[in-house]
Amino acid sequence: MNVIGTCSLCGGQVATPELWGGVVPPTPTCTRCGAVAASSGPIIPMRRVDKPSGPYTAKGPVLEINYASHKLLESWGNP
């Protein structure tokens, strides 16, 4: 068993199995009283951020694309 903390009810060790064969991780359980974890982890303080208006992707706002003129493209590679 992997000990991950102390039970707030009885002071026993809270642990998870070392080996498990499922997709969903096992629930941390007290080895002394059998209580299970009340939440999935610590609460992390968060803050809101202002998002740019307009279309955006996971990497950020979509930048405007400036296409090259046809004359520039036709002369590309010519000495």
N, C-alpha and C. Protein backbone atom coordinates (compact mmCIF):
# COMPACT_ATOMS: atom_id res chain seq x y z
N MET A 1 0.84 -1.19 0.00
CA MET A 1 0.00 0.00 0.00
C MET A 1 0.88 1.25 0.00
N ASN A 2 0.45 2.25 -0.76
CA ASN A 2 1.13 3.54 -0.79
C ASN A 2 0.46 4.46 0.21
N VAL A 3 1.16 4.82 1.27
CA VAL A 3 0.62 5.73 2.28
C VAL A 3 0.72 7.14 1.73
N ILE A 4 -0.43 7.84 1.69
CA ILE A 4 -0.46 9.19 1.13
C ILE A 4 -0.84 10.25 2.14
N GLY A 5 -1.19 9.84 3.36
CA GLY A 5 -1.57 10.84 4.36
C GLY A 5 -2.10 10.21 5.63
N THR A 6 -2.73 11.05 6.45
CA THR A 6 -3.27 10.64 7.74
C THR A 6 -4.77 10.89 7.76
N CYS A 7 -5.53 9.95 8.31
CA CYS A 7 -6.99 10.05 8.40
C CYS A 7 -7.36 11.16 9.39
N SER A 8 -8.29 12.03 8.97
CA SER A 8 -8.74 13.12 9.85
C SER A 8 -9.71 12.61 10.91
N LEU A 9 -10.23 11.40 10.76
CA LEU A 9 -11.19 10.87 11.73
C LEU A 9 -10.52 10.10 12.86
N CYS A 10 -9.57 9.20 12.52
CA CYS A 10 -8.99 8.35 13.56
C CYS A 10 -7.47 8.46 13.68
N GLY A 11 -6.81 9.17 12.75
CA GLY A 11 -5.35 9.31 12.80
C GLY A 11 -4.61 8.16 12.14
N GLY A 12 -5.33 7.22 11.51
CA GLY A 12 -4.70 6.09 10.83
C GLY A 12 -4.08 6.52 9.51
N GLN A 13 -3.40 5.57 8.87
CA GLN A 13 -2.75 5.85 7.59
C GLN A 13 -3.78 5.77 6.46
N VAL A 14 -3.76 6.77 5.58
CA VAL A 14 -4.58 6.76 4.38
C VAL A 14 -3.70 6.26 3.25
N ALA A 15 -4.16 5.23 2.55
CA ALA A 15 -3.32 4.60 1.54
C ALA A 15 -4.13 4.21 0.31
N THR A 16 -3.40 3.95 -0.77
CA THR A 16 -3.97 3.40 -2.00
C THR A 16 -3.17 2.15 -2.34
N PRO A 17 -3.76 1.21 -3.09
CA PRO A 17 -3.02 0.01 -3.47
C PRO A 17 -1.81 0.36 -4.35
N GLU A 18 -0.73 -0.42 -4.20
CA GLU A 18 0.45 -0.19 -5.04
C GLU A 18 0.18 -0.59 -6.48
N LEU A 19 -0.65 -1.59 -6.69
CA LEU A 19 -0.94 -2.09 -8.02
C LEU A 19 -2.45 -2.17 -8.19
N TRP A 20 -2.95 -1.61 -9.27
CA TRP A 20 -4.38 -1.68 -9.56
C TRP A 20 -4.54 -1.84 -11.05
N GLY A 21 -5.60 -2.49 -11.47
CA GLY A 21 -5.76 -2.81 -12.88
C GLY A 21 -6.92 -2.11 -13.55
N GLY A 22 -7.34 -1.00 -13.02
CA GLY A 22 -8.47 -0.29 -13.62
C GLY A 22 -8.06 0.98 -14.32
N VAL A 23 -9.03 1.61 -14.95
CA VAL A 23 -8.81 2.89 -15.61
C VAL A 23 -8.95 4.02 -14.60
N VAL A 24 -9.92 3.91 -13.71
CA VAL A 24 -10.15 4.91 -12.68
C VAL A 24 -9.26 4.58 -11.47
N PRO A 25 -8.47 5.54 -10.98
CA PRO A 25 -7.61 5.26 -9.83
C PRO A 25 -8.41 4.88 -8.60
N PRO A 26 -7.83 4.07 -7.71
CA PRO A 26 -8.54 3.65 -6.51
C PRO A 26 -8.75 4.82 -5.54
N THR A 27 -9.80 4.72 -4.73
CA THR A 27 -10.11 5.75 -3.74
C THR A 27 -9.20 5.58 -2.53
N PRO A 28 -8.52 6.65 -2.10
CA PRO A 28 -7.71 6.55 -0.88
C PRO A 28 -8.58 6.13 0.31
N THR A 29 -8.10 5.14 1.07
CA THR A 29 -8.87 4.56 2.17
C THR A 29 -8.01 4.48 3.42
N CYS A 30 -8.62 4.73 4.58
CA CYS A 30 -7.91 4.62 5.86
C CYS A 30 -7.70 3.13 6.18
N THR A 31 -6.47 2.78 6.54
CA THR A 31 -6.17 1.39 6.86
C THR A 31 -6.68 0.99 8.24
N ARG A 32 -6.99 1.96 9.09
CA ARG A 32 -7.47 1.66 10.44
C ARG A 32 -9.00 1.59 10.52
N CYS A 33 -9.70 2.66 10.07
CA CYS A 33 -11.16 2.70 10.24
C CYS A 33 -11.93 2.45 8.95
N GLY A 34 -11.25 2.42 7.81
CA GLY A 34 -11.92 2.13 6.54
C GLY A 34 -12.59 3.32 5.88
N ALA A 35 -12.44 4.52 6.43
CA ALA A 35 -13.05 5.71 5.84
C ALA A 35 -12.40 5.99 4.48
N VAL A 36 -13.16 6.60 3.59
CA VAL A 36 -12.64 6.95 2.26
C VAL A 36 -12.48 8.46 2.15
N ALA A 37 -11.65 8.89 1.22
CA ALA A 37 -11.37 10.31 1.02
C ALA A 37 -12.66 11.05 0.66
N ALA A 38 -12.86 12.22 1.25
CA ALA A 38 -14.06 13.02 1.00
C ALA A 38 -13.97 13.80 -0.30
N SER A 39 -12.76 14.05 -0.81
CA SER A 39 -12.58 14.79 -2.06
C SER A 39 -11.46 14.14 -2.86
N SER A 40 -11.30 14.61 -4.08
CA SER A 40 -10.29 14.02 -4.96
C SER A 40 -8.92 14.66 -4.82
N GLY A 41 -8.77 15.65 -3.99
CA GLY A 41 -7.47 16.28 -3.83
C GLY A 41 -7.60 17.64 -3.18
N PRO A 42 -6.47 18.34 -3.04
CA PRO A 42 -6.51 19.67 -2.42
C PRO A 42 -7.23 20.67 -3.30
N ILE A 43 -7.81 21.67 -2.69
CA ILE A 43 -8.46 22.75 -3.43
C ILE A 43 -7.39 23.76 -3.80
N ILE A 44 -7.30 24.06 -5.08
CA ILE A 44 -6.27 24.97 -5.59
C ILE A 44 -6.90 26.34 -5.82
N PRO A 45 -6.34 27.40 -5.20
CA PRO A 45 -6.89 28.73 -5.44
C PRO A 45 -6.69 29.14 -6.91
N MET A 46 -7.74 29.64 -7.53
CA MET A 46 -7.69 30.03 -8.93
C MET A 46 -8.09 31.49 -9.08
N ARG A 47 -7.75 32.08 -10.22
CA ARG A 47 -8.17 33.44 -10.54
C ARG A 47 -8.62 33.47 -11.99
N ARG A 48 -9.56 34.31 -12.28
CA ARG A 48 -10.06 34.43 -13.65
C ARG A 48 -9.13 35.33 -14.46
N VAL A 49 -9.05 35.06 -15.76
CA VAL A 49 -8.25 35.89 -16.66
C VAL A 49 -9.15 36.39 -17.77
N ASP A 50 -8.84 37.57 -18.27
CA ASP A 50 -9.61 38.13 -19.38
C ASP A 50 -9.17 37.46 -20.66
N LYS A 51 -10.15 36.97 -21.42
CA LYS A 51 -9.85 36.33 -22.69
C LYS A 51 -9.97 37.37 -23.79
N PRO A 52 -9.11 37.29 -24.81
CA PRO A 52 -9.23 38.23 -25.92
C PRO A 52 -10.52 37.99 -26.68
N SER A 53 -11.08 39.05 -27.23
CA SER A 53 -12.29 38.88 -28.02
C SER A 53 -11.94 38.33 -29.38
N GLY A 54 -12.87 37.67 -30.01
CA GLY A 54 -12.64 37.10 -31.32
C GLY A 54 -12.27 35.64 -31.23
N PRO A 55 -12.00 35.02 -32.37
CA PRO A 55 -11.68 33.59 -32.38
C PRO A 55 -10.32 33.34 -31.75
N TYR A 56 -10.23 32.25 -31.00
CA TYR A 56 -8.96 31.87 -30.42
C TYR A 56 -8.91 30.36 -30.27
N THR A 57 -7.71 29.83 -30.19
CA THR A 57 -7.52 28.39 -30.07
C THR A 57 -6.92 28.10 -28.71
N ALA A 58 -6.59 26.84 -28.47
CA ALA A 58 -5.96 26.46 -27.20
C ALA A 58 -4.59 27.10 -27.07
N LYS A 59 -3.96 27.43 -28.18
CA LYS A 59 -2.63 28.05 -28.14
C LYS A 59 -2.70 29.57 -28.04
N GLY A 60 -3.88 30.14 -28.10
CA GLY A 60 -4.01 31.58 -27.98
C GLY A 60 -4.87 32.15 -29.09
N PRO A 61 -4.89 33.47 -29.24
CA PRO A 61 -5.74 34.08 -30.26
C PRO A 61 -5.27 33.73 -31.67
N VAL A 62 -6.22 33.66 -32.58
CA VAL A 62 -5.89 33.40 -33.98
C VAL A 62 -5.34 34.69 -34.58
N LEU A 63 -4.14 34.61 -35.10
CA LEU A 63 -3.53 35.79 -35.69
C LEU A 63 -4.03 35.99 -37.11
N GLU A 64 -4.08 37.23 -37.55
CA GLU A 64 -4.51 37.52 -38.90
C GLU A 64 -3.44 37.04 -39.87
N ILE A 65 -3.84 36.38 -40.93
CA ILE A 65 -2.90 35.84 -41.91
C ILE A 65 -2.73 36.85 -43.03
N ASN A 66 -1.48 37.20 -43.32
CA ASN A 66 -1.17 38.10 -44.43
C ASN A 66 -0.59 37.26 -45.56
N TYR A 67 -1.34 37.14 -46.65
CA TYR A 67 -0.90 36.33 -47.77
C TYR A 67 0.02 37.14 -48.67
N ALA A 68 1.02 36.46 -49.26
CA ALA A 68 1.94 37.12 -50.19
C ALA A 68 1.26 37.31 -51.54
N SER A 69 1.68 38.32 -52.28
CA SER A 69 1.10 38.58 -53.59
C SER A 69 1.54 37.49 -54.58
N HIS A 70 0.77 37.31 -55.65
CA HIS A 70 1.09 36.29 -56.65
C HIS A 70 2.42 36.58 -57.34
N LYS A 71 2.73 37.85 -57.57
CA LYS A 71 3.99 38.20 -58.24
C LYS A 71 5.17 37.77 -57.38
N LEU A 72 5.07 37.95 -56.10
CA LEU A 72 6.15 37.56 -55.19
C LEU A 72 6.32 36.04 -55.22
N LEU A 73 5.23 35.32 -55.22
CA LEU A 73 5.29 33.86 -55.24
C LEU A 73 5.84 33.33 -56.56
N GLU A 74 5.46 33.97 -57.68
CA GLU A 74 5.94 33.53 -59.00
C GLU A 74 7.42 33.77 -59.17
N SER A 75 7.96 34.81 -58.55
CA SER A 75 9.38 35.13 -58.69
C SER A 75 10.24 34.39 -57.66
N TRP A 76 9.62 33.69 -56.75
CA TRP A 76 10.37 32.99 -55.71
C TRP A 76 11.18 31.85 -56.31
N GLY A 77 12.43 31.80 -56.04
CA GLY A 77 13.32 30.77 -56.55
C GLY A 77 14.00 31.15 -57.87
N ASN A 78 13.57 32.23 -58.49
CA ASN A 78 14.22 32.69 -59.73
C ASN A 78 15.33 33.67 -59.37
N PRO A 79 16.50 33.51 -59.99
CA PRO A 79 17.60 34.44 -59.67
C PRO A 79 17.38 35.84 -60.18
